[in-house]
Amino acid sequence: MKKIEFSVSVFEVENIQELTPEEQRMIALSREMTHKAYAPYSHFFVGAAVLLANGQTVTGSNQENAAYPSGLCAERVAIFSASAQYPQVDVVMVAISARSNTHSVDHPISPCGACRQVLFEYEFRQNKPVKVLLSGETGKILVLDKVKDLLPFTFTPDELK
C-alpha cells in the first residue's frame, strides 16, 4: 500500500481591499447576485460571477424548485450561461458568494461536488487554470488559483476513452 498526499494552496484574505480591483468587482457581483436568487425552501441564497477572457462577465444565482432535484446551483447557472453565450471564450475567474435569511454567512462557502465537477470541466477543456474566489456575505475570502484544488480526484473526459 502506498500513501498519496495532495497539497492545496489557498489564500485567505481578511479584507476585500487586499484583492485586485477586478477580484473585488467579481466578489461584489457574486454578492449582488445572492439578492436575485430564488431560494424559498433552503433560504440559502448563492450568487456567482464568471469572468471570461474577452472581458465579459456572466452572472447567475441559485434557482430552487419544489421538486428539489429540478433546481440549479448558482455556479452552474453562471458557467452554463457563459458557455452558451460565448462558447469559444476561456473562463478566467469564478466568484461565488452566499447569504441566508436564517443565519449570518460570515465565512467563505464552497461549491457542492456537482458544481466542482462542472467547473473543472471548463478548466480541463481550456487547459488553463480558472481562479476561484469564495465568500460569504461578510468575513474572510478564499482565493484558489485553480478549480482542480477544489476537487483533487477529478473525473475527466479522458476516462470515457
N, C-alpha and C. Protein backbone atom coordinates (compact mmCIF):
# COMPACT_ATOMS: atom_id res chain seq x y z
N MET A 1 0.85 -1.17 0.00
CA MET A 1 0.00 0.00 0.00
C MET A 1 0.90 1.24 0.00
N LYS A 2 0.48 2.23 -0.77
CA LYS A 2 1.25 3.46 -0.90
C LYS A 2 0.34 4.64 -0.55
N LYS A 3 0.81 5.50 0.32
CA LYS A 3 0.05 6.68 0.70
C LYS A 3 0.35 7.81 -0.29
N ILE A 4 -0.70 8.43 -0.79
CA ILE A 4 -0.56 9.56 -1.70
C ILE A 4 -1.14 10.79 -1.01
N GLU A 5 -0.38 11.86 -0.98
CA GLU A 5 -0.85 13.08 -0.35
C GLU A 5 -0.99 14.18 -1.38
N PHE A 6 -2.02 15.01 -1.18
CA PHE A 6 -2.25 16.16 -2.04
C PHE A 6 -1.97 17.42 -1.26
N SER A 7 -1.50 18.42 -1.96
CA SER A 7 -1.28 19.72 -1.35
C SER A 7 -2.10 20.76 -2.12
N VAL A 8 -2.80 21.59 -1.39
CA VAL A 8 -3.62 22.63 -1.99
C VAL A 8 -3.21 23.98 -1.41
N SER A 9 -3.02 24.94 -2.29
CA SER A 9 -2.71 26.29 -1.84
C SER A 9 -3.97 27.14 -1.91
N VAL A 10 -4.30 27.74 -0.78
CA VAL A 10 -5.46 28.62 -0.69
C VAL A 10 -5.00 29.89 -0.01
N PHE A 11 -5.34 31.02 -0.60
CA PHE A 11 -5.03 32.30 0.02
C PHE A 11 -6.25 32.76 0.81
N GLU A 12 -6.03 33.13 2.05
CA GLU A 12 -7.10 33.64 2.90
C GLU A 12 -6.94 35.15 3.00
N VAL A 13 -7.98 35.87 2.61
CA VAL A 13 -7.95 37.32 2.60
C VAL A 13 -8.84 37.83 3.72
N GLU A 14 -8.28 38.65 4.58
CA GLU A 14 -9.04 39.20 5.71
C GLU A 14 -9.96 40.33 5.29
N ASN A 15 -9.51 41.12 4.33
CA ASN A 15 -10.23 42.32 3.92
C ASN A 15 -10.30 42.36 2.39
N ILE A 16 -11.47 42.63 1.86
CA ILE A 16 -11.66 42.65 0.41
C ILE A 16 -10.70 43.62 -0.27
N GLN A 17 -10.23 44.63 0.44
CA GLN A 17 -9.31 45.61 -0.13
C GLN A 17 -7.96 44.99 -0.49
N GLU A 18 -7.68 43.80 0.04
CA GLU A 18 -6.43 43.10 -0.30
C GLU A 18 -6.48 42.49 -1.69
N LEU A 19 -7.67 42.38 -2.26
CA LEU A 19 -7.83 41.81 -3.60
C LEU A 19 -7.56 42.85 -4.67
N THR A 20 -7.33 42.38 -5.89
CA THR A 20 -7.17 43.31 -7.01
C THR A 20 -8.53 43.97 -7.28
N PRO A 21 -8.55 45.10 -7.97
CA PRO A 21 -9.83 45.72 -8.31
C PRO A 21 -10.77 44.77 -9.08
N GLU A 22 -10.23 43.97 -9.97
CA GLU A 22 -11.06 43.01 -10.73
C GLU A 22 -11.65 41.95 -9.81
N GLU A 23 -10.86 41.44 -8.88
CA GLU A 23 -11.36 40.45 -7.92
C GLU A 23 -12.42 41.07 -7.02
N GLN A 24 -12.21 42.30 -6.59
CA GLN A 24 -13.21 43.00 -5.76
C GLN A 24 -14.53 43.13 -6.52
N ARG A 25 -14.43 43.48 -7.80
CA ARG A 25 -15.63 43.62 -8.64
C ARG A 25 -16.36 42.30 -8.75
N MET A 26 -15.62 41.21 -8.91
CA MET A 26 -16.24 39.89 -9.04
C MET A 26 -16.94 39.48 -7.75
N ILE A 27 -16.31 39.74 -6.61
CA ILE A 27 -16.96 39.43 -5.33
C ILE A 27 -18.22 40.26 -5.18
N ALA A 28 -18.14 41.54 -5.51
CA ALA A 28 -19.32 42.41 -5.41
C ALA A 28 -20.45 41.90 -6.30
N LEU A 29 -20.14 41.48 -7.51
CA LEU A 29 -21.16 40.94 -8.42
C LEU A 29 -21.77 39.65 -7.86
N SER A 30 -20.94 38.76 -7.35
CA SER A 30 -21.47 37.50 -6.82
C SER A 30 -22.35 37.75 -5.60
N ARG A 31 -21.95 38.71 -4.77
CA ARG A 31 -22.77 39.06 -3.60
C ARG A 31 -24.09 39.71 -4.04
N GLU A 32 -24.02 40.54 -5.06
CA GLU A 32 -25.24 41.17 -5.59
C GLU A 32 -26.20 40.10 -6.13
N MET A 33 -25.66 39.08 -6.75
CA MET A 33 -26.49 38.02 -7.32
C MET A 33 -27.21 37.20 -6.26
N THR A 34 -26.71 37.20 -5.03
CA THR A 34 -27.43 36.47 -3.97
C THR A 34 -28.82 37.08 -3.76
N HIS A 35 -28.98 38.34 -4.10
CA HIS A 35 -30.28 39.01 -3.95
C HIS A 35 -31.22 38.71 -5.12
N LYS A 36 -30.71 38.02 -6.13
CA LYS A 36 -31.54 37.65 -7.27
C LYS A 36 -31.84 36.15 -7.28
N ALA A 37 -31.36 35.45 -6.26
CA ALA A 37 -31.58 34.01 -6.15
C ALA A 37 -33.03 33.72 -5.79
N TYR A 38 -33.48 32.54 -6.19
CA TYR A 38 -34.81 32.05 -5.84
C TYR A 38 -34.59 30.85 -4.92
N ALA A 39 -34.70 31.08 -3.62
CA ALA A 39 -34.41 30.03 -2.64
C ALA A 39 -35.46 30.00 -1.54
N PRO A 40 -36.74 29.78 -1.88
CA PRO A 40 -37.79 29.81 -0.87
C PRO A 40 -37.79 28.61 0.07
N TYR A 41 -37.03 27.57 -0.24
CA TYR A 41 -37.03 26.35 0.57
C TYR A 41 -35.84 26.30 1.51
N SER A 42 -34.65 26.52 0.98
CA SER A 42 -33.45 26.47 1.82
C SER A 42 -33.16 27.80 2.50
N HIS A 43 -33.64 28.88 1.94
CA HIS A 43 -33.34 30.23 2.43
C HIS A 43 -31.84 30.49 2.41
N PHE A 44 -31.14 29.80 1.51
CA PHE A 44 -29.69 29.94 1.33
C PHE A 44 -29.49 30.46 -0.08
N PHE A 45 -29.09 31.72 -0.19
CA PHE A 45 -29.03 32.42 -1.46
C PHE A 45 -27.59 32.49 -1.95
N VAL A 46 -27.35 31.94 -3.12
CA VAL A 46 -26.00 31.87 -3.67
C VAL A 46 -25.94 32.66 -4.97
N GLY A 47 -24.85 33.40 -5.14
CA GLY A 47 -24.62 34.14 -6.37
C GLY A 47 -23.26 33.79 -6.93
N ALA A 48 -23.14 33.84 -8.25
CA ALA A 48 -21.87 33.54 -8.91
C ALA A 48 -21.64 34.54 -10.04
N ALA A 49 -20.37 34.83 -10.27
CA ALA A 49 -19.97 35.68 -11.38
C ALA A 49 -18.80 35.00 -12.09
N VAL A 50 -18.88 34.96 -13.41
CA VAL A 50 -17.85 34.32 -14.23
C VAL A 50 -17.21 35.38 -15.11
N LEU A 51 -15.89 35.52 -15.02
CA LEU A 51 -15.15 36.44 -15.86
C LEU A 51 -14.55 35.66 -17.02
N LEU A 52 -14.78 36.14 -18.23
CA LEU A 52 -14.27 35.49 -19.43
C LEU A 52 -13.04 36.23 -19.97
N ALA A 53 -12.27 35.53 -20.79
CA ALA A 53 -11.05 36.09 -21.35
C ALA A 53 -11.30 37.30 -22.25
N ASN A 54 -12.51 37.42 -22.78
CA ASN A 54 -12.84 38.58 -23.62
C ASN A 54 -13.30 39.79 -22.80
N GLY A 55 -13.25 39.69 -21.48
CA GLY A 55 -13.64 40.78 -20.60
C GLY A 55 -15.09 40.77 -20.18
N GLN A 56 -15.90 39.91 -20.80
CA GLN A 56 -17.32 39.82 -20.44
C GLN A 56 -17.47 39.13 -19.09
N THR A 57 -18.49 39.53 -18.35
CA THR A 57 -18.83 38.89 -17.09
C THR A 57 -20.25 38.37 -17.19
N VAL A 58 -20.46 37.12 -16.79
CA VAL A 58 -21.77 36.49 -16.80
C VAL A 58 -22.08 36.07 -15.37
N THR A 59 -23.31 36.35 -14.94
CA THR A 59 -23.68 36.06 -13.55
C THR A 59 -24.79 35.02 -13.48
N GLY A 60 -24.97 34.48 -12.29
CA GLY A 60 -26.04 33.51 -12.05
C GLY A 60 -26.36 33.46 -10.58
N SER A 61 -27.51 32.90 -10.27
CA SER A 61 -27.94 32.70 -8.88
C SER A 61 -28.64 31.36 -8.78
N ASN A 62 -28.68 30.82 -7.57
CA ASN A 62 -29.35 29.52 -7.41
C ASN A 62 -30.85 29.68 -7.65
N GLN A 63 -31.42 28.64 -8.23
CA GLN A 63 -32.84 28.62 -8.59
C GLN A 63 -33.42 27.31 -8.05
N GLU A 64 -34.15 27.40 -6.95
CA GLU A 64 -34.73 26.21 -6.33
C GLU A 64 -36.07 25.86 -6.97
N ASN A 65 -36.52 24.66 -6.66
CA ASN A 65 -37.79 24.17 -7.17
C ASN A 65 -38.38 23.26 -6.11
N ALA A 66 -39.71 23.22 -6.01
CA ALA A 66 -40.37 22.35 -5.03
C ALA A 66 -39.95 20.89 -5.24
N ALA A 67 -39.69 20.51 -6.49
CA ALA A 67 -39.11 19.20 -6.79
C ALA A 67 -37.59 19.41 -6.73
N TYR A 68 -36.99 19.24 -5.54
CA TYR A 68 -35.62 19.65 -5.28
C TYR A 68 -34.60 19.33 -6.37
N PRO A 69 -34.59 18.14 -6.94
CA PRO A 69 -33.56 17.88 -7.95
C PRO A 69 -33.70 18.75 -9.21
N SER A 70 -34.83 19.42 -9.35
CA SER A 70 -35.05 20.24 -10.54
C SER A 70 -34.42 21.62 -10.43
N GLY A 71 -33.95 22.00 -9.27
CA GLY A 71 -33.30 23.30 -9.10
C GLY A 71 -31.89 23.27 -9.67
N LEU A 72 -31.24 24.42 -9.63
CA LEU A 72 -29.88 24.50 -10.15
C LEU A 72 -29.06 25.49 -9.32
N CYS A 73 -27.83 25.13 -9.06
CA CYS A 73 -26.92 25.96 -8.28
C CYS A 73 -26.46 27.18 -9.07
N ALA A 74 -26.09 28.24 -8.36
CA ALA A 74 -25.65 29.49 -8.99
C ALA A 74 -24.44 29.29 -9.89
N GLU A 75 -23.52 28.46 -9.45
CA GLU A 75 -22.29 28.24 -10.21
C GLU A 75 -22.61 27.66 -11.59
N ARG A 76 -23.51 26.68 -11.62
CA ARG A 76 -23.85 26.06 -12.90
C ARG A 76 -24.70 26.98 -13.77
N VAL A 77 -25.59 27.75 -13.15
CA VAL A 77 -26.37 28.73 -13.92
C VAL A 77 -25.41 29.68 -14.63
N ALA A 78 -24.43 30.21 -13.90
CA ALA A 78 -23.49 31.19 -14.47
C ALA A 78 -22.58 30.58 -15.52
N ILE A 79 -21.98 29.44 -15.23
CA ILE A 79 -20.99 28.86 -16.16
C ILE A 79 -21.67 28.34 -17.42
N PHE A 80 -22.86 27.75 -17.28
CA PHE A 80 -23.58 27.26 -18.47
C PHE A 80 -24.03 28.43 -19.33
N SER A 81 -24.47 29.50 -18.68
CA SER A 81 -24.88 30.69 -19.43
C SER A 81 -23.69 31.30 -20.16
N ALA A 82 -22.55 31.37 -19.50
CA ALA A 82 -21.35 31.91 -20.13
C ALA A 82 -20.96 31.08 -21.35
N SER A 83 -21.01 29.76 -21.19
CA SER A 83 -20.65 28.87 -22.29
C SER A 83 -21.63 28.97 -23.46
N ALA A 84 -22.92 29.14 -23.15
CA ALA A 84 -23.92 29.27 -24.20
C ALA A 84 -23.76 30.57 -24.97
N GLN A 85 -23.42 31.65 -24.26
CA GLN A 85 -23.28 32.95 -24.91
C GLN A 85 -21.93 33.14 -25.59
N TYR A 86 -20.88 32.55 -25.01
CA TYR A 86 -19.52 32.73 -25.52
C TYR A 86 -18.82 31.36 -25.57
N PRO A 87 -19.26 30.47 -26.46
CA PRO A 87 -18.78 29.09 -26.42
C PRO A 87 -17.29 28.89 -26.67
N GLN A 88 -16.64 29.81 -27.33
CA GLN A 88 -15.21 29.63 -27.64
C GLN A 88 -14.30 30.49 -26.77
N VAL A 89 -14.85 31.11 -25.72
CA VAL A 89 -14.07 32.02 -24.89
C VAL A 89 -13.72 31.35 -23.56
N ASP A 90 -12.45 31.44 -23.19
CA ASP A 90 -11.98 30.83 -21.94
C ASP A 90 -12.55 31.53 -20.71
N VAL A 91 -12.71 30.74 -19.66
CA VAL A 91 -13.11 31.24 -18.35
C VAL A 91 -11.83 31.61 -17.59
N VAL A 92 -11.80 32.80 -17.01
CA VAL A 92 -10.63 33.28 -16.29
C VAL A 92 -10.82 33.14 -14.78
N MET A 93 -12.03 33.49 -14.31
CA MET A 93 -12.26 33.56 -12.87
C MET A 93 -13.73 33.29 -12.56
N VAL A 94 -13.97 32.68 -11.40
CA VAL A 94 -15.33 32.47 -10.90
C VAL A 94 -15.37 32.95 -9.45
N ALA A 95 -16.34 33.80 -9.14
CA ALA A 95 -16.55 34.25 -7.76
C ALA A 95 -17.88 33.70 -7.29
N ILE A 96 -17.91 33.18 -6.06
CA ILE A 96 -19.11 32.57 -5.50
C ILE A 96 -19.33 33.12 -4.10
N SER A 97 -20.55 33.59 -3.85
CA SER A 97 -20.89 34.15 -2.54
C SER A 97 -22.23 33.61 -2.08
N ALA A 98 -22.47 33.68 -0.77
CA ALA A 98 -23.74 33.20 -0.23
C ALA A 98 -24.19 34.07 0.94
N ARG A 99 -25.51 34.06 1.15
CA ARG A 99 -26.12 34.70 2.32
C ARG A 99 -27.35 33.89 2.68
N SER A 100 -27.89 34.14 3.84
CA SER A 100 -29.07 33.41 4.30
C SER A 100 -30.02 34.35 5.03
N ASN A 101 -31.30 34.01 5.00
CA ASN A 101 -32.29 34.75 5.77
C ASN A 101 -32.39 34.22 7.20
N THR A 102 -31.77 33.07 7.47
CA THR A 102 -31.91 32.43 8.77
C THR A 102 -30.67 32.55 9.66
N HIS A 103 -29.52 32.87 9.08
CA HIS A 103 -28.29 33.00 9.86
C HIS A 103 -27.29 33.84 9.08
N SER A 104 -26.28 34.30 9.77
CA SER A 104 -25.23 35.10 9.14
C SER A 104 -24.23 34.19 8.45
N VAL A 105 -23.94 34.49 7.20
CA VAL A 105 -22.91 33.74 6.47
C VAL A 105 -21.67 34.63 6.47
N ASP A 106 -20.85 34.46 7.51
CA ASP A 106 -19.69 35.32 7.73
C ASP A 106 -18.38 34.61 7.41
N HIS A 107 -18.45 33.64 6.52
CA HIS A 107 -17.28 32.87 6.13
C HIS A 107 -17.45 32.43 4.67
N PRO A 108 -16.37 32.07 4.01
CA PRO A 108 -16.48 31.63 2.62
C PRO A 108 -17.27 30.34 2.50
N ILE A 109 -18.06 30.24 1.44
CA ILE A 109 -18.76 28.99 1.15
C ILE A 109 -18.09 28.34 -0.05
N SER A 110 -18.24 27.04 -0.15
CA SER A 110 -17.60 26.30 -1.22
C SER A 110 -18.65 25.62 -2.08
N PRO A 111 -18.38 25.45 -3.36
CA PRO A 111 -19.37 24.80 -4.24
C PRO A 111 -19.62 23.35 -3.85
N CYS A 112 -20.81 22.88 -4.18
CA CYS A 112 -21.12 21.46 -3.97
C CYS A 112 -20.28 20.61 -4.92
N GLY A 113 -20.30 19.33 -4.73
CA GLY A 113 -19.50 18.42 -5.56
C GLY A 113 -19.85 18.49 -7.03
N ALA A 114 -21.15 18.57 -7.35
CA ALA A 114 -21.56 18.64 -8.75
C ALA A 114 -21.01 19.91 -9.40
N CYS A 115 -21.08 21.02 -8.70
CA CYS A 115 -20.57 22.29 -9.25
C CYS A 115 -19.05 22.24 -9.40
N ARG A 116 -18.37 21.61 -8.47
CA ARG A 116 -16.92 21.47 -8.58
C ARG A 116 -16.56 20.71 -9.86
N GLN A 117 -17.28 19.62 -10.11
CA GLN A 117 -17.01 18.82 -11.31
C GLN A 117 -17.30 19.62 -12.58
N VAL A 118 -18.42 20.34 -12.59
CA VAL A 118 -18.77 21.14 -13.76
C VAL A 118 -17.74 22.24 -14.00
N LEU A 119 -17.35 22.95 -12.95
CA LEU A 119 -16.34 24.00 -13.10
C LEU A 119 -15.02 23.42 -13.60
N PHE A 120 -14.66 22.25 -13.07
CA PHE A 120 -13.41 21.63 -13.51
C PHE A 120 -13.45 21.27 -14.99
N GLU A 121 -14.61 20.87 -15.49
CA GLU A 121 -14.73 20.51 -16.91
C GLU A 121 -14.27 21.66 -17.80
N TYR A 122 -14.63 22.88 -17.42
CA TYR A 122 -14.23 24.04 -18.22
C TYR A 122 -12.73 24.29 -18.10
N GLU A 123 -12.19 24.13 -16.90
CA GLU A 123 -10.75 24.28 -16.71
C GLU A 123 -9.99 23.24 -17.53
N PHE A 124 -10.46 22.01 -17.50
CA PHE A 124 -9.83 20.92 -18.25
C PHE A 124 -9.91 21.18 -19.75
N ARG A 125 -11.08 21.57 -20.21
CA ARG A 125 -11.33 21.78 -21.64
C ARG A 125 -10.42 22.88 -22.20
N GLN A 126 -10.24 23.94 -21.47
CA GLN A 126 -9.43 25.05 -21.98
C GLN A 126 -7.95 24.88 -21.65
N ASN A 127 -7.63 23.90 -20.82
CA ASN A 127 -6.24 23.62 -20.43
C ASN A 127 -5.56 24.85 -19.84
N LYS A 128 -6.33 25.62 -19.08
CA LYS A 128 -5.81 26.79 -18.38
C LYS A 128 -6.53 26.87 -17.03
N PRO A 129 -5.81 27.30 -16.00
CA PRO A 129 -6.46 27.40 -14.68
C PRO A 129 -7.56 28.46 -14.65
N VAL A 130 -8.55 28.21 -13.80
CA VAL A 130 -9.63 29.16 -13.54
C VAL A 130 -9.52 29.55 -12.07
N LYS A 131 -9.28 30.82 -11.81
CA LYS A 131 -9.18 31.30 -10.43
C LYS A 131 -10.56 31.24 -9.79
N VAL A 132 -10.61 30.88 -8.51
CA VAL A 132 -11.87 30.77 -7.77
C VAL A 132 -11.80 31.66 -6.54
N LEU A 133 -12.84 32.49 -6.37
CA LEU A 133 -12.98 33.35 -5.20
C LEU A 133 -14.21 32.89 -4.43
N LEU A 134 -14.07 32.63 -3.14
CA LEU A 134 -15.17 32.14 -2.31
C LEU A 134 -15.41 33.10 -1.16
N SER A 135 -16.70 33.48 -0.97
CA SER A 135 -17.00 34.39 0.13
C SER A 135 -18.40 34.15 0.68
N GLY A 136 -18.61 34.64 1.87
CA GLY A 136 -19.94 34.74 2.43
C GLY A 136 -20.43 36.15 2.17
N GLU A 137 -21.41 36.57 2.96
CA GLU A 137 -21.86 37.96 2.78
C GLU A 137 -20.89 38.93 3.46
N THR A 138 -20.14 38.44 4.42
CA THR A 138 -19.09 39.21 5.09
C THR A 138 -17.96 38.24 5.44
N GLY A 139 -16.92 38.77 6.02
CA GLY A 139 -15.84 37.92 6.53
C GLY A 139 -14.74 37.66 5.52
N LYS A 140 -13.93 36.68 5.86
CA LYS A 140 -12.78 36.33 5.05
C LYS A 140 -13.20 35.86 3.66
N ILE A 141 -12.26 35.95 2.75
CA ILE A 141 -12.45 35.47 1.38
C ILE A 141 -11.33 34.49 1.08
N LEU A 142 -11.66 33.40 0.42
CA LEU A 142 -10.64 32.44 0.00
C LEU A 142 -10.39 32.61 -1.49
N VAL A 143 -9.12 32.51 -1.88
CA VAL A 143 -8.72 32.61 -3.29
C VAL A 143 -7.94 31.35 -3.64
N LEU A 144 -8.41 30.66 -4.66
CA LEU A 144 -7.73 29.47 -5.16
C LEU A 144 -7.28 29.75 -6.59
N ASP A 145 -6.08 29.33 -6.92
CA ASP A 145 -5.55 29.60 -8.25
C ASP A 145 -6.17 28.74 -9.34
N LYS A 146 -6.79 27.63 -8.94
CA LYS A 146 -7.38 26.74 -9.95
C LYS A 146 -8.51 25.91 -9.34
N VAL A 147 -9.46 25.53 -10.18
CA VAL A 147 -10.60 24.73 -9.76
C VAL A 147 -10.14 23.36 -9.25
N LYS A 148 -9.12 22.80 -9.89
CA LYS A 148 -8.65 21.46 -9.50
C LYS A 148 -8.34 21.38 -8.01
N ASP A 149 -7.98 22.50 -7.39
CA ASP A 149 -7.71 22.49 -5.95
C ASP A 149 -8.97 22.23 -5.13
N LEU A 150 -10.15 22.45 -5.73
CA LEU A 150 -11.41 22.14 -5.05
C LEU A 150 -11.79 20.66 -5.19
N LEU A 151 -11.21 20.00 -6.17
CA LEU A 151 -11.62 18.63 -6.50
C LEU A 151 -10.41 17.83 -6.97
N PRO A 152 -9.57 17.38 -6.02
CA PRO A 152 -8.34 16.70 -6.44
C PRO A 152 -8.56 15.40 -7.20
N PHE A 153 -9.64 14.67 -6.93
CA PHE A 153 -9.93 13.46 -7.68
C PHE A 153 -11.00 13.77 -8.72
N THR A 154 -10.56 14.26 -9.85
CA THR A 154 -11.50 14.68 -10.89
C THR A 154 -11.84 13.52 -11.81
N PHE A 155 -13.00 13.62 -12.41
CA PHE A 155 -13.42 12.71 -13.47
C PHE A 155 -13.25 13.50 -14.75
N THR A 156 -12.33 13.08 -15.61
CA THR A 156 -12.03 13.84 -16.82
C THR A 156 -12.63 13.15 -18.05
N PRO A 157 -12.74 13.88 -19.14
CA PRO A 157 -13.19 13.26 -20.40
C PRO A 157 -12.30 12.11 -20.83
N ASP A 158 -11.04 12.11 -20.39
CA ASP A 158 -10.13 11.02 -20.74
C ASP A 158 -10.63 9.67 -20.21
N GLU A 159 -11.40 9.69 -19.11
CA GLU A 159 -11.92 8.45 -18.53
C GLU A 159 -12.91 7.76 -19.47
N LEU A 160 -13.48 8.50 -20.40
CA LEU A 160 -14.50 7.95 -21.29
C LEU A 160 -13.92 7.35 -22.57
N LYS A 161 -12.61 7.41 -22.72
CA LYS A 161 -11.97 6.87 -23.94
C LYS A 161 -11.83 5.38 -23.85
